[in-house]
């Protein structure tokens, strides 16, 4: 009984960690994977550089 609850707790912690760290990375990867997303990211970087430069 005790072992099972420890396993469940470990799985939950693991799942939360993956969701917390993996979530944003998946989001970034999905944006980068699409052609429009790439253009958007590059445009955003250019805008940021222009804002910093001025």
N, C-alpha and C. Protein backbone atom coordinates (compact mmCIF):
# COMPACT_ATOMS: atom_id res chain seq x y z
N UNK A 1 0.84 -1.21 0.00
CA UNK A 1 0.00 0.00 0.00
C UNK A 1 0.87 1.26 0.00
N UNK A 2 1.86 1.27 0.90
CA UNK A 2 2.73 2.45 1.00
C UNK A 2 3.54 2.65 -0.28
N UNK A 3 4.05 1.53 -0.83
CA UNK A 3 4.85 1.61 -2.05
C UNK A 3 4.05 2.20 -3.21
N UNK A 4 2.80 1.78 -3.33
CA UNK A 4 1.95 2.25 -4.41
C UNK A 4 1.76 3.76 -4.33
N UNK A 5 1.53 4.28 -3.13
CA UNK A 5 1.31 5.72 -2.96
C UNK A 5 2.59 6.51 -3.28
N UNK A 6 3.75 5.94 -2.95
CA UNK A 6 5.02 6.59 -3.28
C UNK A 6 5.18 6.66 -4.80
N UNK A 7 4.87 5.55 -5.48
CA UNK A 7 4.96 5.53 -6.94
C UNK A 7 4.05 6.59 -7.56
N UNK A 8 2.82 6.67 -7.06
CA UNK A 8 1.87 7.65 -7.57
C UNK A 8 2.41 9.07 -7.35
N UNK A 9 2.97 9.30 -6.18
CA UNK A 9 3.52 10.62 -5.85
C UNK A 9 4.69 10.96 -6.77
N UNK A 10 5.57 9.99 -7.01
CA UNK A 10 6.71 10.19 -7.91
C UNK A 10 6.23 10.49 -9.33
N UNK A 11 5.23 9.73 -9.78
CA UNK A 11 4.68 9.95 -11.12
C UNK A 11 4.11 11.36 -11.22
N UNK A 12 3.40 11.79 -10.18
CA UNK A 12 2.80 13.12 -10.17
C UNK A 12 3.87 14.19 -10.23
N UNK A 13 4.93 14.06 -9.41
CA UNK A 13 6.04 15.01 -9.40
C UNK A 13 6.71 15.06 -10.77
N UNK A 14 6.93 13.89 -11.34
CA UNK A 14 7.56 13.78 -12.66
C UNK A 14 6.70 14.47 -13.71
N UNK A 15 5.39 14.19 -13.65
CA UNK A 15 4.44 14.78 -14.60
C UNK A 15 4.43 16.30 -14.49
N UNK A 16 4.39 16.81 -13.25
CA UNK A 16 4.39 18.26 -13.02
C UNK A 16 5.67 18.88 -13.56
N UNK A 17 6.81 18.22 -13.31
CA UNK A 17 8.10 18.72 -13.79
C UNK A 17 8.12 18.78 -15.32
N UNK A 18 7.65 17.71 -15.97
CA UNK A 18 7.61 17.66 -17.43
C UNK A 18 6.69 18.75 -17.97
N UNK A 19 5.53 18.93 -17.35
CA UNK A 19 4.58 19.94 -17.79
C UNK A 19 5.17 21.34 -17.63
N UNK A 20 5.85 21.59 -16.50
CA UNK A 20 6.39 22.91 -16.21
C UNK A 20 7.55 23.25 -17.14
N UNK A 21 8.47 22.29 -17.34
CA UNK A 21 9.66 22.53 -18.17
C UNK A 21 9.35 22.25 -19.63
N UNK A 22 8.65 21.14 -19.88
CA UNK A 22 8.37 20.70 -21.24
C UNK A 22 7.32 21.54 -21.95
N UNK A 23 6.36 22.07 -21.20
CA UNK A 23 5.28 22.86 -21.78
C UNK A 23 5.77 24.02 -22.63
N UNK A 24 6.51 24.97 -22.03
CA UNK A 24 7.03 26.11 -22.81
C UNK A 24 7.92 25.68 -23.97
N UNK A 25 8.75 24.65 -23.75
CA UNK A 25 9.64 24.17 -24.82
C UNK A 25 8.83 23.63 -25.99
N UNK A 26 7.77 22.87 -25.71
CA UNK A 26 6.90 22.35 -26.77
C UNK A 26 6.25 23.51 -27.53
N UNK A 27 5.82 24.51 -26.79
CA UNK A 27 5.19 25.70 -27.37
C UNK A 27 6.17 26.39 -28.32
N UNK A 28 7.41 26.60 -27.87
CA UNK A 28 8.45 27.23 -28.69
C UNK A 28 8.75 26.38 -29.91
N UNK A 29 8.87 25.07 -29.71
CA UNK A 29 9.16 24.15 -30.82
C UNK A 29 8.04 24.19 -31.86
N UNK A 30 6.79 24.22 -31.41
CA UNK A 30 5.65 24.27 -32.33
C UNK A 30 5.64 25.56 -33.12
N UNK A 31 5.94 26.69 -32.47
CA UNK A 31 6.01 27.97 -33.16
C UNK A 31 7.12 27.92 -34.21
N UNK A 32 8.29 27.44 -33.79
CA UNK A 32 9.46 27.38 -34.68
C UNK A 32 9.22 26.44 -35.86
N UNK A 33 8.42 25.38 -35.66
CA UNK A 33 8.16 24.38 -36.69
C UNK A 33 7.35 24.95 -37.85
N UNK A 34 6.45 25.89 -37.56
CA UNK A 34 5.62 26.46 -38.62
C UNK A 34 6.36 27.60 -39.32
N UNK A 35 6.13 27.73 -40.63
CA UNK A 35 6.82 28.74 -41.43
C UNK A 35 6.45 30.15 -40.96
N UNK A 36 5.17 30.36 -40.74
CA UNK A 36 4.69 31.67 -40.27
C UNK A 36 5.29 32.00 -38.91
N UNK A 37 5.40 30.99 -38.06
CA UNK A 37 6.01 31.16 -36.73
C UNK A 37 7.45 31.62 -36.82
N UNK A 38 8.22 31.01 -37.73
CA UNK A 38 9.62 31.40 -37.94
C UNK A 38 9.70 32.87 -38.31
N UNK A 39 8.87 33.29 -39.28
CA UNK A 39 8.84 34.69 -39.73
C UNK A 39 8.50 35.60 -38.55
N UNK A 40 7.52 35.19 -37.76
CA UNK A 40 7.11 35.97 -36.59
C UNK A 40 8.22 36.12 -35.57
N UNK A 41 8.93 35.02 -35.29
CA UNK A 41 10.04 35.05 -34.32
C UNK A 41 11.15 35.96 -34.83
N UNK A 42 11.51 35.83 -36.10
CA UNK A 42 12.56 36.67 -36.70
C UNK A 42 12.14 38.14 -36.67
N UNK A 43 10.89 38.42 -37.03
CA UNK A 43 10.36 39.79 -37.00
C UNK A 43 10.42 40.35 -35.58
N UNK A 44 10.03 39.54 -34.60
CA UNK A 44 10.05 39.98 -33.20
C UNK A 44 11.48 40.31 -32.75
N UNK A 45 12.44 39.47 -33.14
CA UNK A 45 13.85 39.71 -32.79
C UNK A 45 14.33 41.01 -33.42
N UNK A 46 13.99 41.24 -34.70
CA UNK A 46 14.39 42.47 -35.40
C UNK A 46 13.79 43.69 -34.70
N UNK A 47 12.51 43.62 -34.33
CA UNK A 47 11.83 44.73 -33.63
C UNK A 47 12.54 45.03 -32.32
N UNK A 48 12.87 43.98 -31.56
CA UNK A 48 13.56 44.15 -30.27
C UNK A 48 14.92 44.82 -30.49
N UNK A 49 15.66 44.38 -31.50
CA UNK A 49 16.98 44.97 -31.80
C UNK A 49 16.82 46.45 -32.15
N UNK A 50 15.82 46.78 -32.97
CA UNK A 50 15.57 48.17 -33.35
C UNK A 50 15.24 49.00 -32.11
N UNK A 51 14.38 48.46 -31.23
CA UNK A 51 14.00 49.18 -30.01
C UNK A 51 15.21 49.43 -29.11
N UNK A 52 16.08 48.44 -28.99
CA UNK A 52 17.28 48.58 -28.15
C UNK A 52 18.25 49.58 -28.79
N UNK A 53 18.40 49.51 -30.12
CA UNK A 53 19.37 50.34 -30.84
C UNK A 53 18.99 51.82 -30.80
N UNK A 54 17.69 52.12 -30.76
CA UNK A 54 17.26 53.53 -30.79
C UNK A 54 17.18 54.12 -29.40
